[in-house]
């Protein structure tokens, strides 16, 4: 016969399952309602927004997939997101390696300056950003959106990279230095090959943030042909009426790449976020 203490221990996994179930429901219900809403007519969507469609309107999704504007917006989002990811990975990984393994005067102050970026979202600096991007001649260009996105993502990326780099065995770096390897060579040939988990983690975070960004593209882009998908939704919004069923179908199709990216990199993301969490 088990004691009350043992019964309490046996119930701990049940509490975890219940908590994770509640979280999963809160996440899955809006996504499921969005996907199902794309299969409804506009009238049915207003009367039954969360129910199963009585008549499945497959033409909503088929019409969007057949529209070349959808692929244009998707391509623009992909180019901007890939540029943002590349800029973030290159700048953040090199800066984090310096902060983790190179000692120099003012390193703590400089690191604290970078970490201040966690306190300020892009919306707080949208006017100075617009003026700077305009002065650089990057308005209505992919770089005009990707550069600010990468800049505001550097703080979190450096924080993640630095923790991972500091947890790497110091013997590897010391052996490389003894063999005559420079800091750049050590970073390129020793550190980066061991950093696949954190590279995947930072890349996925930067990709999702850039893919879903709305404010920066809205301010920096004036040409419809350069719009990413969050601005492309406005194509289905009129002055007096919005086709919400088409909007939901459009959103469902455009968030699929981020879902696929997350599941493809899930193993590396978990490894990157939990690296160094347990010592011993």
Protein backbone atom coordinates (compact mmCIF):
# COMPACT_ATOMS: atom_id res chain seq x y z
CA UNK A 1 0.00 0.00 0.00
CA UNK A 2 1.48 3.32 -1.03
CA UNK A 3 1.79 6.21 1.40
CA UNK A 4 0.18 9.65 0.87
CA UNK A 5 3.62 10.99 -0.01
CA UNK A 6 3.99 8.48 -2.81
CA UNK A 7 0.50 9.26 -4.10
CA UNK A 8 1.44 12.94 -4.20
CA UNK A 9 4.51 12.13 -6.23
CA UNK A 10 2.44 10.01 -8.60
CA UNK A 11 0.06 12.92 -9.20
CA UNK A 12 2.81 15.37 -10.19
CA UNK A 13 2.94 14.19 -13.83
CA UNK A 14 -0.86 14.50 -13.97
CA UNK A 15 -0.65 18.17 -13.00
CA UNK A 16 1.96 18.70 -15.68
CA UNK A 17 -0.22 17.01 -18.27
CA UNK A 18 -3.23 19.12 -17.30
CA UNK A 19 -1.23 22.34 -17.42
CA UNK A 20 0.29 21.51 -20.81
CA UNK A 21 -3.16 20.52 -22.09
CA UNK A 22 -4.61 23.88 -21.08
CA UNK A 23 -1.71 25.71 -22.75
CA UNK A 24 -2.10 23.58 -25.90
CA UNK A 25 -5.83 24.36 -26.04
CA UNK A 26 -5.20 28.10 -25.75
CA UNK A 27 -2.67 27.87 -28.60
CA UNK A 28 -4.50 25.40 -30.83
CA UNK A 29 -8.05 26.80 -30.68
CA UNK A 30 -7.26 30.14 -32.40
CA UNK A 31 -5.18 28.36 -35.04
CA UNK A 32 -7.91 25.79 -35.65
CA UNK A 33 -10.61 28.48 -35.77
CA UNK A 34 -8.53 30.43 -38.29
CA UNK A 35 -8.02 27.39 -40.51
CA UNK A 36 -11.69 26.38 -40.36
CA UNK A 37 -12.84 29.97 -40.91
CA UNK A 38 -11.11 29.90 -44.27
CA UNK A 39 -13.46 27.10 -45.34
CA UNK A 40 -16.64 29.05 -44.54
CA UNK A 41 -18.70 31.56 -46.39
CA UNK A 42 -18.75 35.11 -45.05
CA UNK A 43 -22.29 34.71 -43.72
CA UNK A 44 -21.57 31.45 -41.93
CA UNK A 45 -18.38 32.89 -40.46
CA UNK A 46 -20.40 35.65 -38.80
CA UNK A 47 -23.04 33.30 -37.38
CA UNK A 48 -20.73 30.45 -36.39
CA UNK A 49 -17.10 31.64 -36.09
CA UNK A 50 -15.86 28.62 -34.10
CA UNK A 51 -18.04 25.81 -35.46
CA UNK A 52 -17.38 23.22 -38.11
CA UNK A 53 -18.31 24.50 -41.61
CA UNK A 54 -21.67 23.25 -42.86
CA UNK A 55 -20.46 23.59 -46.43
CA UNK A 56 -16.72 23.47 -47.05
CA UNK A 57 -15.76 26.39 -49.29
CA UNK A 58 -12.60 24.95 -50.85
CA UNK A 59 -12.60 27.73 -53.42
CA UNK A 60 -11.44 30.19 -50.75
CA UNK A 61 -8.08 28.46 -50.45
CA UNK A 62 -7.95 27.56 -54.14
CA UNK A 63 -8.58 31.16 -55.14
CA UNK A 64 -5.76 32.45 -52.95
CA UNK A 65 -3.32 29.81 -54.20
CA UNK A 66 -4.24 30.71 -57.79
CA UNK A 67 -3.69 34.42 -57.17
CA UNK A 68 -0.18 35.56 -58.15
CA UNK A 69 -0.32 38.29 -55.49
CA UNK A 70 -0.20 35.62 -52.80
CA UNK A 71 3.05 34.20 -54.17
CA UNK A 72 4.45 37.71 -54.59
CA UNK A 73 3.78 38.58 -50.93
CA UNK A 74 5.11 35.19 -49.84
CA UNK A 75 8.30 35.68 -51.85
CA UNK A 76 8.83 39.17 -50.43
CA UNK A 77 8.40 37.87 -46.88
CA UNK A 78 10.84 35.04 -47.56
CA UNK A 79 13.53 37.35 -48.95
CA UNK A 80 13.21 39.81 -46.06
CA UNK A 81 13.19 37.02 -43.46
CA UNK A 82 16.26 35.29 -44.96
CA UNK A 83 18.17 38.58 -45.09
CA UNK A 84 17.24 39.32 -41.48
CA UNK A 85 18.29 35.82 -40.38
CA UNK A 86 21.63 36.03 -42.22
CA UNK A 87 22.45 39.47 -40.80
CA UNK A 88 21.45 38.43 -37.28
CA UNK A 89 23.46 35.20 -37.32
CA UNK A 90 26.63 36.79 -38.70
CA UNK A 91 26.66 39.87 -36.46
CA UNK A 92 25.37 38.25 -33.26
CA UNK A 93 27.58 35.13 -33.41
CA UNK A 94 30.78 37.13 -33.92
CA UNK A 95 29.89 39.67 -31.23
CA UNK A 96 28.91 36.93 -28.76
CA UNK A 97 32.18 35.05 -29.37
CA UNK A 98 34.14 38.20 -28.57
CA UNK A 99 32.15 38.84 -25.40
CA UNK A 100 32.51 35.19 -24.32
CA UNK A 101 36.22 34.55 -24.97
CA UNK A 102 38.04 37.84 -25.63
CA UNK A 103 38.94 40.04 -22.66
CA UNK A 104 39.25 43.75 -23.35
CA UNK A 105 38.66 47.03 -21.55
CA UNK A 106 35.01 48.05 -21.51
CA UNK A 107 33.62 44.65 -22.54
CA UNK A 108 31.07 44.62 -19.71
CA UNK A 109 29.88 48.13 -20.49
CA UNK A 110 29.60 47.33 -24.20
CA UNK A 111 27.69 44.13 -23.47
CA UNK A 112 25.31 46.02 -21.19
CA UNK A 113 24.78 48.56 -23.97
CA UNK A 114 23.78 45.78 -26.36
CA UNK A 115 21.50 44.22 -23.76
CA UNK A 116 19.61 47.50 -23.45
CA UNK A 117 18.10 46.59 -26.79
CA UNK A 118 15.89 44.12 -24.93
CA UNK A 119 14.11 47.02 -23.26
CA UNK A 120 13.10 48.96 -26.36
CA UNK A 121 10.87 47.59 -29.13
CA UNK A 122 11.19 48.89 -32.67
CA UNK A 123 8.04 50.99 -32.27
CA UNK A 124 9.81 53.32 -29.81
CA UNK A 125 12.38 54.32 -32.45
CA UNK A 126 10.28 54.16 -35.59
CA UNK A 127 10.76 57.84 -36.52
CA UNK A 128 14.60 57.87 -36.16
CA UNK A 129 14.69 54.53 -38.00
CA UNK A 130 12.67 55.94 -40.86
CA UNK A 131 14.92 58.99 -41.13
CA UNK A 132 18.09 56.88 -41.06
CA UNK A 133 16.79 54.39 -43.62
CA UNK A 134 15.70 57.29 -45.84
CA UNK A 135 19.12 58.94 -45.57
CA UNK A 136 20.77 55.65 -46.55
CA UNK A 137 18.54 55.43 -49.61
CA UNK A 138 17.03 52.11 -48.52
CA UNK A 139 13.35 53.01 -48.54
CA UNK A 140 11.27 50.62 -50.64
CA UNK A 141 13.99 47.96 -50.49
CA UNK A 142 14.39 44.63 -48.76
CA UNK A 143 17.44 45.84 -46.83
CA UNK A 144 15.48 48.81 -45.53
CA UNK A 145 13.31 46.35 -43.59
CA UNK A 146 15.84 43.59 -42.87
CA UNK A 147 18.53 45.85 -41.37
CA UNK A 148 16.31 47.33 -38.59
CA UNK A 149 14.85 43.90 -37.87
CA UNK A 150 18.33 42.42 -37.47
CA UNK A 151 19.44 45.38 -35.33
CA UNK A 152 16.56 44.98 -32.89
CA UNK A 153 17.09 41.21 -32.78
CA UNK A 154 20.78 41.45 -31.89
CA UNK A 155 20.28 41.79 -28.13
CA UNK A 156 18.45 38.48 -27.67
CA UNK A 157 20.65 36.74 -30.23
CA UNK A 158 23.89 37.86 -28.54
CA UNK A 159 22.52 36.78 -25.16
CA UNK A 160 21.74 33.27 -26.44
CA UNK A 161 24.98 32.91 -28.40
CA UNK A 162 27.15 34.17 -25.53
CA UNK A 163 25.71 31.70 -23.03
CA UNK A 164 26.19 28.81 -25.45
CA UNK A 165 29.76 29.81 -26.35
CA UNK A 166 30.75 30.14 -22.68
CA UNK A 167 29.49 26.63 -22.00
CA UNK A 168 31.71 25.09 -24.67
CA UNK A 169 34.75 23.21 -23.24
CA UNK A 170 37.64 25.63 -22.80
CA UNK A 171 40.08 22.84 -23.61
CA UNK A 172 38.97 22.96 -27.24
CA UNK A 173 39.79 26.67 -27.53
CA UNK A 174 43.07 26.25 -25.65
CA UNK A 175 44.15 23.37 -27.89
CA UNK A 176 43.31 25.42 -30.99
CA UNK A 177 45.32 28.40 -29.72
CA UNK A 178 48.29 26.16 -28.89
CA UNK A 179 48.21 24.80 -32.44
CA UNK A 180 48.54 28.35 -33.75
CA UNK A 181 44.87 29.01 -34.54
CA UNK A 182 43.82 32.66 -34.41
CA UNK A 183 40.61 33.90 -32.82
CA UNK A 184 38.96 34.06 -36.22
CA UNK A 185 40.18 30.58 -37.13
CA UNK A 186 39.06 29.21 -33.77
CA UNK A 187 35.64 30.78 -34.24
CA UNK A 188 35.28 29.48 -37.78
CA UNK A 189 36.74 26.00 -37.49
CA UNK A 190 36.08 25.06 -33.85
CA UNK A 191 33.15 27.02 -32.44
CA UNK A 192 30.72 27.24 -35.36
CA UNK A 193 30.73 23.47 -36.15
CA UNK A 194 29.76 22.81 -32.51
CA UNK A 195 27.05 25.49 -32.47
CA UNK A 196 24.40 23.98 -34.72
CA UNK A 197 21.74 23.90 -31.95
CA UNK A 198 22.08 27.57 -31.04
CA UNK A 199 22.39 28.58 -34.69
CA UNK A 200 19.10 26.82 -35.42
CA UNK A 201 17.50 28.40 -32.35
CA UNK A 202 18.50 31.97 -33.18
CA UNK A 203 17.72 31.49 -36.88
CA UNK A 204 14.22 30.22 -36.12
CA UNK A 205 13.47 33.04 -33.68
CA UNK A 206 14.74 35.66 -36.14
CA UNK A 207 12.84 34.06 -39.02
CA UNK A 208 9.51 33.96 -37.17
CA UNK A 209 9.87 37.54 -35.89
CA UNK A 210 10.70 38.83 -39.36
CA UNK A 211 8.00 36.74 -41.04
CA UNK A 212 5.29 38.14 -38.77
CA UNK A 213 6.56 41.74 -38.66
CA UNK A 214 4.02 44.37 -39.61
CA UNK A 215 5.11 47.81 -38.38
CA UNK A 216 8.56 48.08 -39.99
CA UNK A 217 7.41 46.98 -43.47
CA UNK A 218 4.42 49.33 -43.20
CA UNK A 219 6.70 52.30 -42.51
CA UNK A 220 9.61 51.45 -44.81
CA UNK A 221 7.71 50.19 -47.88
CA UNK A 222 5.43 52.24 -50.10
CA UNK A 223 5.46 50.03 -53.19
CA UNK A 224 2.78 47.34 -53.27
CA UNK A 225 5.12 45.03 -55.18
CA UNK A 226 7.50 44.98 -52.18
CA UNK A 227 4.88 44.18 -49.55
CA UNK A 228 5.33 41.09 -47.34
CA UNK A 229 2.33 39.00 -46.42
CA UNK A 230 1.21 40.96 -43.28
CA UNK A 231 0.65 43.97 -45.54
CA UNK A 232 -0.77 41.80 -48.30
CA UNK A 233 -3.76 41.03 -46.09
CA UNK A 234 -4.98 44.55 -46.83
CA UNK A 235 -5.78 43.35 -50.35
CA UNK A 236 -8.87 41.62 -48.92
CA UNK A 237 -10.00 44.59 -46.83
CA UNK A 238 -12.28 47.15 -48.42
CA UNK A 239 -13.43 50.55 -47.21
CA UNK A 240 -16.80 49.26 -46.02
CA UNK A 241 -16.51 45.47 -46.10
CA UNK A 242 -13.78 42.92 -45.42
CA UNK A 243 -13.75 39.37 -46.76
CA UNK A 244 -12.87 37.79 -43.42
CA UNK A 245 -13.15 34.25 -44.74
CA UNK A 246 -10.53 35.02 -47.39
CA UNK A 247 -8.39 36.82 -44.82
CA UNK A 248 -8.45 33.76 -42.54
CA UNK A 249 -7.60 31.47 -45.46
CA UNK A 250 -4.76 33.80 -46.45
CA UNK A 251 -3.39 33.88 -42.90
CA UNK A 252 -3.58 30.08 -42.61
CA UNK A 253 -1.60 29.59 -45.80
CA UNK A 254 1.03 32.16 -44.82
CA UNK A 255 1.70 30.88 -41.30
CA UNK A 256 2.34 27.35 -42.58
CA UNK A 257 6.01 28.12 -43.45
CA UNK A 258 6.72 29.22 -39.87
CA UNK A 259 5.02 26.11 -38.47
CA UNK A 260 7.01 23.86 -40.79
CA UNK A 261 10.24 25.71 -39.92
CA UNK A 262 9.60 25.33 -36.21
CA UNK A 263 8.90 21.60 -36.37
CA UNK A 264 11.89 21.01 -38.66
CA UNK A 265 14.23 22.77 -36.22
CA UNK A 266 12.47 21.76 -32.99
CA UNK A 267 15.16 19.31 -31.90
CA UNK A 268 17.92 21.88 -32.34
CA UNK A 269 15.86 24.63 -30.72
CA UNK A 270 15.32 22.60 -27.55
CA UNK A 271 18.99 21.66 -27.45
CA UNK A 272 20.06 25.27 -27.96
CA UNK A 273 17.76 26.72 -25.29
CA UNK A 274 18.61 24.07 -22.69
CA UNK A 275 22.37 23.95 -23.30
CA UNK A 276 24.21 24.69 -20.10
CA UNK A 277 21.03 24.57 -18.01
CA UNK A 278 22.27 21.50 -16.11
CA UNK A 279 25.77 21.28 -14.75
CA UNK A 280 27.55 18.27 -13.37
